Amino acid sequence: MNRRTQKRAGEANPRRRQRDVSRPMLLANENLPAPPTQKRSLDKRERLKAAALELFREKGYARTSIDDIAAGAKVPVGGFYLHFRSKRQVLLTLMDDLLVALSTIGFLPADGAHPREVIRSLLTQAFARDLHFLGAYRAWQEAVFSEPDLTRCDAAIHAWTRQRVIALFQRLQELPRARRGVDIPQLASVMDRLYWALLSEALSLDPQQITQRVHATADVTYHALFTDSASGQG
């Protein structure tokens, strides 16, 4: 069976279809204060978010207070409540920003690019965005254990990122030297967990170590999806 026939067979098999998963809208039911329109207010909101990111990274979620965030942003505590009703809303806003950033990563391999380099480039892009929000992710990991609704949001986030990894791997299989017969959904599930684990680990790594881990993870992904042999057999 050739690659085109395999693709048609996969489309005809309901078990192999993947449910489309939309990006979780973390702020949909949060009743945030009205977004600011003036530049001065927008600047204060961004300072509050930046201060929260830094504090969450340094201290975690429980040990960071609203007073801490306001002080870090050089905004009166009363000014905090013009933009967020709680510390939880700040965290949800930051995680929503992370998902928006991840959703902008596209799959546009350069002509003739080696699949290994394509995967490295994609993971490097993704982790550059992830690392900017590392403080939010540390706080998120802590908060989901104490708030059931955040646990549900976390499950939705992982369902979404897994679906994106599946779509990416399906696209990668169109490139030369792709292995045949790979269980893409299962592989995507394993690799998605690995990518999130790498982000958690990044809290204790320096930039050079992070780059090394990203490249190593890209190589694992490459060898799972591609063969260096001319036959393309796994």
Protein backbone atom coordinates (compact mmCIF):
# COMPACT_ATOMS: atom_id res chain seq x y z
CA MET A 1 0.00 0.00 0.00
CA ASN A 2 1.53 3.35 -1.01
CA ARG A 3 1.50 6.50 1.13
CA ARG A 4 -1.47 8.01 -0.72
CA THR A 5 -3.52 4.84 -0.36
CA GLN A 6 -2.60 4.67 3.32
CA LYS A 7 -3.83 8.22 3.78
CA ARG A 8 -7.17 7.46 2.11
CA ALA A 9 -7.55 4.34 4.21
CA GLY A 10 -6.89 6.33 7.36
CA GLU A 11 -9.48 8.91 6.41
CA ALA A 12 -12.04 6.17 5.82
CA ASN A 13 -11.45 4.56 9.20
CA PRO A 14 -13.43 6.40 11.94
CA ARG A 15 -11.12 5.02 14.62
CA ARG A 16 -8.18 6.88 13.10
CA ARG A 17 -9.90 10.24 12.86
CA GLN A 18 -8.78 12.81 15.40
CA ARG A 19 -11.32 15.00 17.13
CA ASP A 20 -10.63 18.66 16.50
CA VAL A 21 -9.82 20.34 19.80
CA SER A 22 -10.13 24.11 20.01
CA ARG A 23 -7.77 26.23 22.06
CA PRO A 24 -9.09 26.41 25.63
CA MET A 25 -10.54 29.85 26.35
CA LEU A 26 -9.32 30.18 29.91
CA LEU A 27 -10.87 33.59 30.50
CA ALA A 28 -14.31 32.88 29.05
CA ASN A 29 -16.15 32.76 32.39
CA GLU A 30 -13.87 34.92 34.51
CA ASN A 31 -15.75 38.22 34.49
CA LEU A 32 -12.55 40.22 34.20
CA PRO A 33 -12.74 43.98 34.62
CA ALA A 34 -13.24 45.78 31.33
CA PRO A 35 -9.97 45.88 29.36
CA PRO A 36 -8.22 49.25 29.44
CA THR A 37 -8.14 51.43 26.37
CA GLN A 38 -5.75 54.20 27.41
CA LYS A 39 -2.02 53.67 26.98
CA ARG A 40 -1.26 54.50 30.59
CA SER A 41 -3.71 51.87 31.84
CA LEU A 42 -2.48 49.31 29.32
CA ASP A 43 1.05 49.89 30.56
CA LYS A 44 0.00 49.31 34.18
CA ARG A 45 -1.72 46.07 33.22
CA GLU A 46 1.38 44.83 31.42
CA ARG A 47 3.55 45.77 34.41
CA LEU A 48 1.26 43.77 36.69
CA LYS A 49 1.53 40.75 34.41
CA ALA A 50 5.32 41.07 34.17
CA ALA A 51 5.66 41.39 37.94
CA ALA A 52 3.45 38.34 38.48
CA LEU A 53 5.51 36.31 36.01
CA GLU A 54 8.71 37.10 37.85
CA LEU A 55 7.27 36.52 41.30
CA PHE A 56 5.60 33.27 40.30
CA ARG A 57 8.92 32.06 38.95
CA GLU A 58 10.83 33.03 42.08
CA LYS A 59 8.29 32.19 44.79
CA GLY A 60 5.54 30.09 43.28
CA TYR A 61 1.80 30.68 43.45
CA ALA A 62 0.93 30.34 47.15
CA ARG A 63 3.78 32.51 48.39
CA THR A 64 3.03 35.35 45.97
CA SER A 65 0.43 37.84 47.17
CA ILE A 66 -1.53 40.55 45.39
CA ASP A 67 0.42 43.08 47.46
CA ASP A 68 3.65 41.56 46.12
CA ILE A 69 2.46 41.82 42.52
CA ALA A 70 1.30 45.41 42.94
CA ALA A 71 4.58 46.39 44.61
CA GLY A 72 6.61 44.68 41.89
CA ALA A 73 4.67 46.56 39.23
CA LYS A 74 4.87 49.86 41.15
CA VAL A 75 1.08 50.05 41.09
CA PRO A 76 -1.12 50.79 44.13
CA VAL A 77 -2.99 47.73 45.40
CA GLY A 78 -6.23 49.47 44.49
CA GLY A 79 -4.90 49.80 40.95
CA PHE A 80 -4.48 46.02 40.78
CA TYR A 81 -8.23 45.56 41.15
CA LEU A 82 -8.92 47.82 38.19
CA HIS A 83 -7.39 45.08 36.00
CA PHE A 84 -7.85 41.78 37.87
CA ARG A 85 -10.28 40.63 40.54
CA SER A 86 -7.88 38.07 42.02
CA LYS A 87 -4.43 36.52 41.82
CA ARG A 88 -6.10 33.58 40.11
CA GLN A 89 -7.23 35.84 37.26
CA VAL A 90 -3.66 37.04 36.75
CA LEU A 91 -2.49 33.44 36.47
CA LEU A 92 -5.27 32.53 34.03
CA THR A 93 -4.44 35.59 31.93
CA LEU A 94 -0.77 34.61 31.76
CA MET A 95 -1.60 31.02 30.84
CA ASP A 96 -4.02 32.27 28.19
CA ASP A 97 -1.22 34.43 26.79
CA LEU A 98 0.98 31.33 26.65
CA LEU A 99 -1.63 29.39 24.68
CA VAL A 100 -2.07 32.29 22.26
CA ALA A 101 1.71 32.39 21.74
CA LEU A 102 1.85 28.64 21.10
CA SER A 103 -1.03 28.85 18.64
CA THR A 104 0.99 31.18 16.39
CA ILE A 105 3.72 28.60 15.74
CA GLY A 106 3.39 27.45 12.14
CA PHE A 107 4.75 24.53 10.15
CA LEU A 108 6.70 26.04 7.27
CA PRO A 109 9.81 23.94 6.54
CA ALA A 110 12.35 25.50 4.22
CA ASP A 111 12.75 23.83 0.84
CA GLY A 112 15.17 20.95 1.14
CA ALA A 113 15.48 21.27 4.92
CA HIS A 114 16.43 18.06 6.71
CA PRO A 115 13.58 16.76 8.89
CA ARG A 116 15.83 16.80 11.96
CA GLU A 117 16.45 20.52 11.49
CA VAL A 118 12.75 21.15 10.88
CA ILE A 119 11.89 19.50 14.20
CA ARG A 120 14.66 21.35 16.04
CA SER A 121 13.46 24.66 14.65
CA LEU A 122 9.85 23.99 15.65
CA LEU A 123 10.75 22.90 19.18
CA THR A 124 13.12 25.83 19.60
CA GLN A 125 10.31 28.21 18.62
CA ALA A 126 7.88 26.53 20.99
CA PHE A 127 10.23 26.52 23.96
CA ALA A 128 11.25 30.13 23.38
CA ARG A 129 7.60 31.02 23.92
CA ASP A 130 7.20 28.56 26.79
CA LEU A 131 10.25 29.87 28.65
CA HIS A 132 8.94 33.42 28.58
CA PHE A 133 5.98 32.13 30.59
CA LEU A 134 7.97 29.78 32.81
CA GLY A 135 6.87 31.59 35.99
CA ALA A 136 3.23 31.19 35.03
CA TYR A 137 3.70 27.49 34.36
CA ARG A 138 5.37 26.97 37.74
CA ALA A 139 2.45 28.71 39.45
CA TRP A 140 -0.04 26.80 37.31
CA GLN A 141 1.39 23.42 38.32
CA GLU A 142 0.98 24.45 41.94
CA ALA A 143 -2.50 25.93 41.59
CA VAL A 144 -4.11 23.00 39.75
CA PHE A 145 -3.67 20.79 42.81
CA SER A 146 -5.88 23.01 44.97
CA GLU A 147 -8.55 24.27 42.55
CA PRO A 148 -10.72 21.63 40.79
CA ASP A 149 -11.80 23.97 37.99
CA LEU A 150 -8.16 24.65 37.16
CA THR A 151 -7.60 20.89 37.02
CA ARG A 152 -10.27 20.74 34.34
CA CYS A 153 -8.62 23.63 32.50
CA ASP A 154 -5.29 21.81 32.72
CA ALA A 155 -6.81 18.70 31.14
CA ALA A 156 -8.22 20.86 28.33
CA ILE A 157 -4.81 22.46 27.75
CA HIS A 158 -3.11 19.08 27.45
CA ALA A 159 -5.84 17.78 25.13
CA TRP A 160 -5.27 20.82 22.92
CA THR A 161 -1.47 20.58 22.86
CA ARG A 162 -1.66 16.83 22.21
CA GLN A 163 -3.95 17.47 19.24
CA ARG A 164 -1.49 20.03 17.90
CA VAL A 165 1.36 17.55 18.24
CA ILE A 166 -0.69 14.95 16.36
CA ALA A 167 -1.31 17.44 13.55
CA LEU A 168 2.38 18.35 13.47
CA PHE A 169 3.49 14.71 13.33
CA GLN A 170 1.00 14.01 10.53
CA ARG A 171 2.51 16.87 8.55
CA LEU A 172 6.03 15.68 9.28
CA GLN A 173 5.16 12.28 7.88
CA GLU A 174 4.75 13.92 4.49
CA LEU A 175 8.49 14.64 4.42
CA PRO A 176 11.10 12.27 2.93
CA ARG A 177 12.34 9.33 5.05
CA ALA A 178 9.25 9.26 7.27
CA ARG A 179 8.70 5.91 8.99
CA ARG A 180 5.67 3.92 7.98
CA GLY A 181 3.15 2.47 10.38
CA VAL A 182 3.88 4.85 13.26
CA ASP A 183 1.05 5.09 15.81
CA ILE A 184 0.87 8.87 15.62
CA PRO A 185 -1.74 9.47 18.36
CA GLN A 186 0.14 7.29 20.84
CA LEU A 187 3.51 8.80 19.97
CA ALA A 188 2.05 12.31 20.21
CA SER A 189 0.65 11.55 23.66
CA VAL A 190 4.06 10.39 24.90
CA MET A 191 5.98 13.27 23.32
CA ASP A 192 3.49 15.91 24.49
CA ARG A 193 4.06 14.75 28.08
CA LEU A 194 7.80 14.86 27.46
CA TYR A 195 7.63 18.43 26.13
CA TRP A 196 5.70 19.63 29.19
CA ALA A 197 8.11 17.76 31.48
CA LEU A 198 11.01 19.56 29.84
CA LEU A 199 9.33 22.88 30.58
CA SER A 200 8.97 21.91 34.25
CA GLU A 201 12.62 20.88 34.35
CA ALA A 202 13.71 24.20 32.83
CA LEU A 203 13.21 25.90 36.20
CA SER A 204 16.45 24.30 37.42
CA LEU A 205 18.48 24.59 34.18
CA ASP A 206 20.69 27.31 32.74
CA PRO A 207 20.17 28.50 29.13
CA GLN A 208 22.87 26.24 27.69
CA GLN A 209 21.40 23.20 29.40
CA ILE A 210 17.93 24.10 28.15
CA THR A 211 19.24 24.31 24.58
CA GLN A 212 20.92 20.93 24.96
CA ARG A 213 17.71 19.36 26.31
CA VAL A 214 15.62 20.88 23.52
CA HIS A 215 18.00 19.52 20.88
CA ALA A 216 18.05 16.10 22.56
CA THR A 217 14.24 16.06 22.67
CA ALA A 218 14.11 17.06 19.00
CA ASP A 219 16.44 14.18 18.16
CA VAL A 220 14.22 11.72 20.04
CA THR A 221 11.22 13.03 18.07
CA TYR A 222 13.13 12.76 14.80
CA HIS A 223 14.20 9.15 15.34
CA ALA A 224 10.65 8.19 16.32
CA LEU A 225 9.29 9.58 13.06
CA PHE A 226 12.08 9.16 10.53
CA THR A 227 14.63 6.68 9.36
CA ASP A 228 18.04 7.45 7.88
CA SER A 229 17.71 4.51 5.51
CA ALA A 230 16.72 5.03 1.90
CA SER A 231 13.93 2.46 2.13
CA GLY A 232 11.99 4.38 4.80
CA GLN A 233 11.39 1.22 6.80
CA GLY A 234 11.11 1.53 10.59
